[in-house]
N, C-alpha and C. Protein backbone atom coordinates (compact mmCIF):
# COMPACT_ATOMS: atom_id res chain seq x y z
N MET A 1 0.83 -1.19 0.00
CA MET A 1 0.00 0.00 0.00
C MET A 1 0.88 1.25 0.00
N LYS A 2 1.94 1.22 0.83
CA LYS A 2 2.85 2.37 0.89
C LYS A 2 3.53 2.58 -0.47
N SER A 3 3.90 1.50 -1.12
CA SER A 3 4.57 1.64 -2.42
C SER A 3 3.60 2.19 -3.47
N LEU A 4 2.34 1.81 -3.37
CA LEU A 4 1.34 2.32 -4.29
C LEU A 4 1.12 3.82 -4.08
N LEU A 5 1.09 4.26 -2.83
CA LEU A 5 0.96 5.69 -2.53
C LEU A 5 2.20 6.45 -2.99
N LEU A 6 3.37 5.86 -2.79
CA LEU A 6 4.61 6.49 -3.22
C LEU A 6 4.63 6.64 -4.74
N LEU A 7 4.23 5.60 -5.44
CA LEU A 7 4.18 5.65 -6.90
C LEU A 7 3.17 6.70 -7.38
N ALA A 8 2.02 6.76 -6.74
CA ALA A 8 1.01 7.76 -7.10
C ALA A 8 1.53 9.17 -6.83
N GLY A 9 2.25 9.35 -5.73
CA GLY A 9 2.82 10.67 -5.41
C GLY A 9 3.87 11.09 -6.42
N ILE A 10 4.71 10.16 -6.84
CA ILE A 10 5.74 10.47 -7.84
C ILE A 10 5.10 10.83 -9.17
N MET A 11 4.10 10.07 -9.57
CA MET A 11 3.44 10.35 -10.85
C MET A 11 2.71 11.68 -10.81
N TYR A 12 2.08 12.00 -9.69
CA TYR A 12 1.37 13.26 -9.55
C TYR A 12 2.34 14.44 -9.62
N SER A 13 3.48 14.32 -8.91
CA SER A 13 4.44 15.42 -8.91
C SER A 13 5.08 15.59 -10.28
N ALA A 14 5.34 14.49 -10.98
CA ALA A 14 5.90 14.59 -12.33
C ALA A 14 4.90 15.25 -13.27
N PHE A 15 3.63 14.92 -13.15
CA PHE A 15 2.60 15.50 -13.99
C PHE A 15 2.41 16.98 -13.66
N ALA A 16 2.52 17.33 -12.40
CA ALA A 16 2.33 18.71 -11.98
C ALA A 16 3.44 19.60 -12.54
N PHE A 17 4.67 19.09 -12.66
CA PHE A 17 5.77 19.90 -13.19
C PHE A 17 5.66 20.13 -14.69
N THR A 18 4.98 19.26 -15.40
CA THR A 18 4.88 19.42 -16.84
C THR A 18 3.80 20.40 -17.26
N GLN A 19 2.89 20.74 -16.38
CA GLN A 19 1.84 21.70 -16.73
C GLN A 19 2.41 23.11 -16.70
N THR A 20 1.97 23.92 -17.66
CA THR A 20 2.44 25.31 -17.68
C THR A 20 1.35 26.21 -17.10
N THR A 21 1.80 27.18 -16.38
CA THR A 21 0.88 28.14 -15.78
C THR A 21 0.56 29.24 -16.79
N PRO A 22 -0.49 30.01 -16.57
CA PRO A 22 -0.78 31.13 -17.48
C PRO A 22 0.39 32.12 -17.56
N GLN A 23 1.10 32.31 -16.46
CA GLN A 23 2.25 33.23 -16.46
C GLN A 23 3.35 32.71 -17.37
N GLU A 24 3.59 31.40 -17.34
CA GLU A 24 4.63 30.82 -18.21
C GLU A 24 4.23 30.95 -19.67
N LYS A 25 2.95 30.75 -19.98
CA LYS A 25 2.48 30.91 -21.35
C LYS A 25 2.64 32.35 -21.81
N LEU A 26 2.31 33.29 -20.93
CA LEU A 26 2.46 34.71 -21.26
C LEU A 26 3.93 35.06 -21.47
N ASP A 27 4.82 34.56 -20.61
CA ASP A 27 6.25 34.82 -20.76
C ASP A 27 6.78 34.26 -22.08
N SER A 28 6.33 33.07 -22.43
CA SER A 28 6.76 32.45 -23.68
C SER A 28 6.27 33.26 -24.88
N PHE A 29 5.02 33.67 -24.85
CA PHE A 29 4.46 34.48 -25.93
C PHE A 29 5.20 35.81 -26.04
N SER A 30 5.47 36.44 -24.90
CA SER A 30 6.17 37.73 -24.89
C SER A 30 7.57 37.59 -25.48
N ALA A 31 8.27 36.54 -25.12
CA ALA A 31 9.62 36.32 -25.65
C ALA A 31 9.58 36.12 -27.16
N GLN A 32 8.62 35.37 -27.65
CA GLN A 32 8.50 35.16 -29.10
C GLN A 32 8.13 36.45 -29.81
N PHE A 33 7.28 37.24 -29.19
CA PHE A 33 6.85 38.51 -29.78
C PHE A 33 8.02 39.48 -29.88
N VAL A 34 8.79 39.61 -28.81
CA VAL A 34 9.95 40.52 -28.81
C VAL A 34 10.98 40.06 -29.83
N THR A 35 11.22 38.77 -29.93
CA THR A 35 12.16 38.24 -30.92
C THR A 35 11.70 38.57 -32.33
N ALA A 36 10.41 38.43 -32.60
CA ALA A 36 9.88 38.74 -33.92
C ALA A 36 10.03 40.23 -34.24
N ILE A 37 9.78 41.08 -33.27
CA ILE A 37 9.91 42.52 -33.48
C ILE A 37 11.36 42.87 -33.79
N ARG A 38 12.28 42.35 -33.00
CA ARG A 38 13.70 42.69 -33.20
C ARG A 38 14.24 42.15 -34.52
N SER A 39 13.72 41.03 -34.99
CA SER A 39 14.22 40.49 -36.25
C SER A 39 13.70 41.28 -37.45
N HIS A 40 12.62 42.05 -37.28
CA HIS A 40 12.08 42.85 -38.38
C HIS A 40 12.35 44.34 -38.20
N GLU A 41 13.18 44.69 -37.24
CA GLU A 41 13.45 46.10 -36.98
C GLU A 41 14.24 46.71 -38.14
N GLN A 42 13.85 47.89 -38.55
CA GLN A 42 14.54 48.60 -39.61
C GLN A 42 15.07 49.91 -39.07
N GLN A 43 15.82 50.59 -39.91
CA GLN A 43 16.40 51.87 -39.51
C GLN A 43 15.98 52.95 -40.49
N ARG A 44 15.91 54.17 -39.97
CA ARG A 44 15.58 55.34 -40.78
C ARG A 44 16.71 56.34 -40.66
N VAL A 45 16.86 57.17 -41.68
CA VAL A 45 17.86 58.24 -41.64
C VAL A 45 17.11 59.57 -41.58
N PHE A 46 17.50 60.39 -40.63
CA PHE A 46 16.99 61.75 -40.54
C PHE A 46 18.13 62.70 -40.88
N MET A 47 17.83 63.64 -41.74
CA MET A 47 18.84 64.63 -42.11
C MET A 47 18.33 66.01 -41.74
N ALA A 48 19.24 66.83 -41.22
CA ALA A 48 18.90 68.21 -40.86
C ALA A 48 19.92 69.13 -41.53
N THR A 49 19.42 70.14 -42.25
CA THR A 49 20.30 71.10 -42.91
C THR A 49 20.29 72.41 -42.15
N ASP A 50 21.28 73.25 -42.45
CA ASP A 50 21.35 74.54 -41.77
C ASP A 50 20.41 75.58 -42.40
N LYS A 51 19.99 75.34 -43.65
CA LYS A 51 19.05 76.25 -44.32
C LYS A 51 18.05 75.41 -45.12
N SER A 52 16.92 76.02 -45.46
CA SER A 52 15.93 75.28 -46.24
C SER A 52 16.12 75.46 -47.74
N ILE A 53 16.78 76.55 -48.16
CA ILE A 53 17.01 76.82 -49.58
C ILE A 53 18.47 77.19 -49.78
N TYR A 54 19.07 76.61 -50.84
CA TYR A 54 20.47 76.89 -51.17
C TYR A 54 20.55 77.46 -52.58
N SER A 55 21.52 78.34 -52.79
CA SER A 55 21.77 78.88 -54.12
C SER A 55 22.80 78.00 -54.82
N ASN A 56 22.87 78.15 -56.15
CA ASN A 56 23.83 77.40 -56.94
C ASN A 56 25.26 77.74 -56.50
N GLY A 57 26.05 76.71 -56.20
CA GLY A 57 27.44 76.91 -55.80
C GLY A 57 27.64 77.05 -54.30
N GLU A 58 26.57 77.15 -53.54
CA GLU A 58 26.66 77.26 -52.09
C GLU A 58 27.00 75.93 -51.45
N SER A 59 27.72 75.96 -50.34
CA SER A 59 28.04 74.72 -49.61
C SER A 59 26.81 74.24 -48.87
N LEU A 60 26.61 72.94 -48.93
CA LEU A 60 25.47 72.32 -48.25
C LEU A 60 25.98 71.69 -46.96
N TRP A 61 25.44 72.14 -45.84
CA TRP A 61 25.82 71.59 -44.54
C TRP A 61 24.64 70.83 -43.96
N PHE A 62 24.89 69.61 -43.52
CA PHE A 62 23.81 68.83 -42.93
C PHE A 62 24.36 67.85 -41.90
N LYS A 63 23.46 67.39 -41.05
CA LYS A 63 23.74 66.32 -40.09
C LYS A 63 22.78 65.19 -40.40
N ALA A 64 23.26 63.96 -40.24
CA ALA A 64 22.42 62.79 -40.50
C ALA A 64 22.40 61.92 -39.25
N PHE A 65 21.23 61.39 -38.93
CA PHE A 65 21.06 60.53 -37.77
C PHE A 65 20.41 59.23 -38.21
N LEU A 66 20.99 58.11 -37.82
CA LEU A 66 20.42 56.80 -38.08
C LEU A 66 19.62 56.41 -36.85
N VAL A 67 18.31 56.16 -37.04
CA VAL A 67 17.41 55.93 -35.92
C VAL A 67 16.75 54.56 -36.08
N ASN A 68 16.68 53.80 -34.99
CA ASN A 68 15.97 52.52 -35.00
C ASN A 68 14.48 52.79 -35.15
N ASP A 69 13.83 52.03 -36.01
CA ASP A 69 12.44 52.25 -36.36
C ASP A 69 11.49 52.02 -35.18
N ILE A 70 11.75 51.02 -34.38
CA ILE A 70 10.83 50.67 -33.30
C ILE A 70 11.11 51.46 -32.02
N SER A 71 12.37 51.55 -31.64
CA SER A 71 12.71 52.20 -30.37
C SER A 71 12.87 53.71 -30.49
N ASP A 72 13.03 54.22 -31.72
CA ASP A 72 13.30 55.65 -31.97
C ASP A 72 14.55 56.14 -31.27
N LYS A 73 15.51 55.26 -31.08
CA LYS A 73 16.79 55.65 -30.49
C LYS A 73 17.85 55.76 -31.58
N ILE A 74 18.79 56.67 -31.39
CA ILE A 74 19.86 56.85 -32.37
C ILE A 74 20.78 55.64 -32.33
N ASN A 75 21.11 55.14 -33.52
CA ASN A 75 21.97 53.98 -33.65
C ASN A 75 23.37 54.45 -34.00
N ASN A 76 24.35 54.12 -33.18
CA ASN A 76 25.73 54.51 -33.41
C ASN A 76 26.57 53.36 -33.96
N ASP A 77 25.94 52.22 -34.29
CA ASP A 77 26.67 51.05 -34.75
C ASP A 77 27.19 51.21 -36.18
N SER A 78 26.43 51.85 -37.05
CA SER A 78 26.84 52.00 -38.45
C SER A 78 27.95 53.03 -38.55
N LYS A 79 28.92 52.73 -39.40
CA LYS A 79 30.08 53.61 -39.55
C LYS A 79 30.09 54.38 -40.86
N PHE A 80 29.22 54.01 -41.81
CA PHE A 80 29.23 54.64 -43.12
C PHE A 80 27.88 55.27 -43.43
N LEU A 81 27.93 56.36 -44.20
CA LEU A 81 26.72 56.99 -44.70
C LEU A 81 26.95 57.31 -46.17
N PHE A 82 26.07 56.83 -47.03
CA PHE A 82 26.14 57.10 -48.46
C PHE A 82 25.04 58.09 -48.80
N VAL A 83 25.42 59.21 -49.44
CA VAL A 83 24.47 60.26 -49.78
C VAL A 83 24.60 60.57 -51.27
N ASP A 84 23.47 60.58 -51.96
CA ASP A 84 23.43 61.02 -53.36
C ASP A 84 22.72 62.35 -53.43
N LEU A 85 23.41 63.37 -53.96
CA LEU A 85 22.77 64.65 -54.21
C LEU A 85 22.23 64.61 -55.63
N VAL A 86 20.93 64.88 -55.78
CA VAL A 86 20.27 64.76 -57.08
C VAL A 86 19.62 66.09 -57.47
N ASP A 87 19.41 66.24 -58.77
CA ASP A 87 18.71 67.44 -59.25
C ASP A 87 17.22 67.16 -59.34
N ILE A 88 16.49 68.08 -59.93
CA ILE A 88 15.03 67.97 -59.99
C ILE A 88 14.57 66.76 -60.81
N ASN A 89 15.44 66.25 -61.71
CA ASN A 89 15.10 65.09 -62.54
C ASN A 89 15.62 63.78 -61.94
N ASP A 90 16.06 63.81 -60.73
CA ASP A 90 16.66 62.65 -60.04
C ASP A 90 17.95 62.17 -60.68
N ASP A 91 18.64 63.04 -61.37
CA ASP A 91 19.97 62.72 -61.88
C ASP A 91 20.99 63.01 -60.79
N VAL A 92 21.92 62.08 -60.57
CA VAL A 92 22.90 62.23 -59.49
C VAL A 92 23.90 63.31 -59.86
N ILE A 93 24.03 64.29 -58.97
CA ILE A 93 24.99 65.37 -59.14
C ILE A 93 26.31 64.98 -58.48
N LYS A 94 26.20 64.43 -57.28
CA LYS A 94 27.39 64.07 -56.52
C LYS A 94 27.03 62.96 -55.54
N THR A 95 27.97 62.05 -55.34
CA THR A 95 27.82 60.99 -54.36
C THR A 95 28.83 61.21 -53.25
N LEU A 96 28.36 61.17 -52.03
CA LEU A 96 29.22 61.38 -50.86
C LEU A 96 29.22 60.11 -50.00
N ILE A 97 30.37 59.80 -49.44
CA ILE A 97 30.50 58.68 -48.49
C ILE A 97 31.18 59.21 -47.24
N TRP A 98 30.47 59.08 -46.10
CA TRP A 98 31.03 59.50 -44.83
C TRP A 98 31.47 58.29 -44.03
N LEU A 99 32.60 58.43 -43.37
CA LEU A 99 33.08 57.36 -42.48
C LEU A 99 32.87 57.76 -41.05
């Protein structure tokens, strides 16, 4: 009888450990959701100039910021910036590469 109770207790405890609680399900879902968001995260470039209109031959001064799409935080990991200056017909006037 004691061995039967011991066996029943072991089986019950093993079964109890395999069940997931609602909190564990929520944690698992949250982890999968965050992983999916981070794997699809993109970046945007924001550029700011010192003036809104430039004359022909004037120097163009600007700052560029690479921003994470989801967190809206500035990303300092990228080391290069490629910029194409184009005219009204989208013809490239000059290509710039910043390090």
